[in-house]
Amino acid sequence: MMRCATIVAYVNGTDALLKIFSKNRQQAKSMINKMTIESFYRYIKKKHPAQQASRYLKKVMNIYNLM
């Protein structure tokens, strides 16, 4: 799952990514690591304030045939 998180963090920064999961960075990382690729994508699409985050994630994951 860290691959997906890295892709989103590349576009909008690590802090922006972790804040949508939890104010506690360790808890946010734990939540991310427990998710499937599909559930992570849905969560990002719904909760991330920057729309390009989910679009970029989908584009990259499609290239690697992971979604």
N, C-alpha and C. Protein backbone atom coordinates (compact mmCIF):
# COMPACT_ATOMS: atom_id res chain seq x y z
N MET A 1 0.82 -1.20 0.00
CA MET A 1 0.00 0.00 0.00
C MET A 1 0.85 1.26 0.00
N MET A 2 2.07 1.14 0.46
CA MET A 2 2.92 2.32 0.52
C MET A 2 3.19 2.89 -0.88
N ARG A 3 3.14 2.05 -1.90
CA ARG A 3 3.32 2.55 -3.27
C ARG A 3 2.23 3.58 -3.60
N CYS A 4 1.01 3.25 -3.28
CA CYS A 4 -0.11 4.17 -3.56
C CYS A 4 0.03 5.45 -2.76
N ALA A 5 0.40 5.31 -1.50
CA ALA A 5 0.58 6.49 -0.64
C ALA A 5 1.71 7.37 -1.17
N THR A 6 2.76 6.76 -1.65
CA THR A 6 3.89 7.51 -2.20
C THR A 6 3.46 8.29 -3.44
N ILE A 7 2.65 7.69 -4.27
CA ILE A 7 2.16 8.36 -5.48
C ILE A 7 1.35 9.60 -5.11
N VAL A 8 0.44 9.46 -4.16
CA VAL A 8 -0.39 10.60 -3.74
C VAL A 8 0.48 11.66 -3.05
N ALA A 9 1.41 11.23 -2.22
CA ALA A 9 2.29 12.18 -1.53
C ALA A 9 3.16 12.94 -2.52
N TYR A 10 3.55 12.31 -3.60
CA TYR A 10 4.37 12.97 -4.63
C TYR A 10 3.62 14.15 -5.23
N VAL A 11 2.34 13.99 -5.43
CA VAL A 11 1.54 15.04 -6.07
C VAL A 11 1.25 16.20 -5.11
N ASN A 12 0.89 15.90 -3.88
CA ASN A 12 0.42 16.95 -2.96
C ASN A 12 1.15 17.01 -1.63
N GLY A 13 2.14 16.18 -1.43
CA GLY A 13 2.89 16.23 -0.18
C GLY A 13 2.42 15.22 0.85
N THR A 14 3.33 14.80 1.65
CA THR A 14 3.05 13.80 2.67
C THR A 14 2.09 14.30 3.72
N ASP A 15 2.26 15.54 4.16
CA ASP A 15 1.39 16.08 5.20
C ASP A 15 -0.07 16.12 4.75
N ALA A 16 -0.31 16.53 3.52
CA ALA A 16 -1.67 16.58 3.00
C ALA A 16 -2.30 15.19 3.00
N LEU A 17 -1.51 14.19 2.65
CA LEU A 17 -2.02 12.82 2.63
C LEU A 17 -2.34 12.33 4.04
N LEU A 18 -1.38 12.43 4.94
CA LEU A 18 -1.57 11.88 6.28
C LEU A 18 -2.69 12.58 7.05
N LYS A 19 -2.84 13.88 6.86
CA LYS A 19 -3.86 14.64 7.59
C LYS A 19 -5.28 14.17 7.31
N ILE A 20 -5.54 13.62 6.13
CA ILE A 20 -6.91 13.19 5.84
C ILE A 20 -7.23 11.88 6.55
N PHE A 21 -6.22 11.19 7.05
CA PHE A 21 -6.44 9.95 7.79
C PHE A 21 -6.47 10.19 9.30
N SER A 22 -5.52 10.97 9.80
CA SER A 22 -5.44 11.22 11.25
C SER A 22 -4.44 12.34 11.51
N LYS A 23 -4.63 13.05 12.62
CA LYS A 23 -3.66 14.05 13.04
C LYS A 23 -2.39 13.37 13.55
N ASN A 24 -2.52 12.15 13.99
CA ASN A 24 -1.40 11.35 14.47
C ASN A 24 -0.77 10.62 13.29
N ARG A 25 0.48 10.96 12.97
CA ARG A 25 1.14 10.41 11.78
C ARG A 25 1.25 8.88 11.83
N GLN A 26 1.58 8.33 12.98
CA GLN A 26 1.71 6.88 13.11
C GLN A 26 0.37 6.19 12.89
N GLN A 27 -0.67 6.76 13.45
CA GLN A 27 -2.01 6.20 13.26
C GLN A 27 -2.42 6.28 11.80
N ALA A 28 -2.12 7.39 11.15
CA ALA A 28 -2.44 7.54 9.72
C ALA A 28 -1.72 6.48 8.90
N LYS A 29 -0.44 6.26 9.16
CA LYS A 29 0.33 5.25 8.44
C LYS A 29 -0.25 3.86 8.66
N SER A 30 -0.64 3.58 9.89
CA SER A 30 -1.24 2.29 10.21
C SER A 30 -2.55 2.08 9.45
N MET A 31 -3.36 3.11 9.40
CA MET A 31 -4.63 3.03 8.67
C MET A 31 -4.38 2.77 7.18
N ILE A 32 -3.43 3.48 6.61
CA ILE A 32 -3.12 3.33 5.19
C ILE A 32 -2.65 1.91 4.89
N ASN A 33 -1.78 1.39 5.74
CA ASN A 33 -1.22 0.06 5.51
C ASN A 33 -2.24 -1.06 5.61
N LYS A 34 -3.35 -0.82 6.25
CA LYS A 34 -4.39 -1.84 6.39
C LYS A 34 -5.38 -1.84 5.22
N MET A 35 -5.27 -0.86 4.34
CA MET A 35 -6.23 -0.72 3.25
C MET A 35 -5.82 -1.50 2.02
N THR A 36 -6.81 -1.87 1.22
CA THR A 36 -6.54 -2.43 -0.11
C THR A 36 -6.31 -1.27 -1.08
N ILE A 37 -5.82 -1.58 -2.24
CA ILE A 37 -5.61 -0.54 -3.26
C ILE A 37 -6.93 0.14 -3.59
N GLU A 38 -7.97 -0.65 -3.75
CA GLU A 38 -9.28 -0.09 -4.12
C GLU A 38 -9.85 0.79 -3.01
N SER A 39 -9.75 0.33 -1.77
CA SER A 39 -10.31 1.13 -0.67
C SER A 39 -9.49 2.41 -0.46
N PHE A 40 -8.18 2.33 -0.66
CA PHE A 40 -7.33 3.53 -0.56
C PHE A 40 -7.73 4.53 -1.63
N TYR A 41 -7.91 4.06 -2.85
CA TYR A 41 -8.31 4.95 -3.95
C TYR A 41 -9.64 5.62 -3.65
N ARG A 42 -10.62 4.85 -3.21
CA ARG A 42 -11.95 5.42 -2.89
C ARG A 42 -11.84 6.46 -1.78
N TYR A 43 -11.04 6.17 -0.77
CA TYR A 43 -10.86 7.10 0.35
C TYR A 43 -10.22 8.40 -0.13
N ILE A 44 -9.17 8.28 -0.95
CA ILE A 44 -8.50 9.47 -1.48
C ILE A 44 -9.46 10.28 -2.35
N LYS A 45 -10.19 9.60 -3.18
CA LYS A 45 -11.14 10.28 -4.07
C LYS A 45 -12.19 11.05 -3.27
N LYS A 46 -12.63 10.47 -2.18
CA LYS A 46 -13.68 11.09 -1.37
C LYS A 46 -13.14 12.17 -0.42
N LYS A 47 -11.98 11.93 0.18
CA LYS A 47 -11.52 12.79 1.28
C LYS A 47 -10.40 13.78 0.95
N HIS A 48 -9.58 13.50 -0.07
CA HIS A 48 -8.43 14.37 -0.33
C HIS A 48 -8.92 15.68 -0.92
N PRO A 49 -8.45 16.81 -0.38
CA PRO A 49 -8.94 18.11 -0.86
C PRO A 49 -8.51 18.46 -2.29
N ALA A 50 -7.45 17.85 -2.78
CA ALA A 50 -6.97 18.13 -4.14
C ALA A 50 -7.47 17.04 -5.09
N GLN A 51 -8.32 17.41 -6.03
CA GLN A 51 -8.89 16.44 -6.96
C GLN A 51 -7.84 15.74 -7.80
N GLN A 52 -6.73 16.41 -8.09
CA GLN A 52 -5.72 15.79 -8.93
C GLN A 52 -5.06 14.60 -8.25
N ALA A 53 -5.16 14.49 -6.93
CA ALA A 53 -4.54 13.36 -6.22
C ALA A 53 -5.12 12.03 -6.67
N SER A 54 -6.44 11.92 -6.70
CA SER A 54 -7.06 10.65 -7.11
C SER A 54 -6.89 10.40 -8.61
N ARG A 55 -6.95 11.46 -9.39
CA ARG A 55 -6.75 11.29 -10.84
C ARG A 55 -5.34 10.80 -11.16
N TYR A 56 -4.35 11.38 -10.51
CA TYR A 56 -2.96 10.98 -10.73
C TYR A 56 -2.74 9.55 -10.24
N LEU A 57 -3.28 9.22 -9.08
CA LEU A 57 -3.14 7.86 -8.56
C LEU A 57 -3.73 6.85 -9.53
N LYS A 58 -4.92 7.11 -10.02
CA LYS A 58 -5.56 6.19 -10.96
C LYS A 58 -4.73 6.05 -12.24
N LYS A 59 -4.23 7.15 -12.74
CA LYS A 59 -3.43 7.13 -13.97
C LYS A 59 -2.18 6.26 -13.79
N VAL A 60 -1.45 6.47 -12.72
CA VAL A 60 -0.22 5.71 -12.49
C VAL A 60 -0.54 4.24 -12.22
N MET A 61 -1.56 3.98 -11.42
CA MET A 61 -1.89 2.59 -11.10
C MET A 61 -2.37 1.85 -12.35
N ASN A 62 -3.07 2.52 -13.24
CA ASN A 62 -3.49 1.88 -14.49
C ASN A 62 -2.28 1.51 -15.36
N ILE A 63 -1.28 2.34 -15.37
CA ILE A 63 -0.07 2.05 -16.12
C ILE A 63 0.55 0.73 -15.64
N TYR A 64 0.54 0.52 -14.34
CA TYR A 64 1.11 -0.69 -13.75
C TYR A 64 0.09 -1.83 -13.61
N ASN A 65 -1.12 -1.61 -14.13
CA ASN A 65 -2.19 -2.61 -14.08
C ASN A 65 -2.50 -3.06 -12.65
N LEU A 66 -2.51 -2.11 -11.74
CA LEU A 66 -2.81 -2.44 -10.35
C LEU A 66 -4.22 -2.08 -9.94
N MET A 67 -4.93 -1.40 -10.84
CA MET A 67 -6.31 -1.04 -10.54
C MET A 67 -7.20 -1.52 -11.66
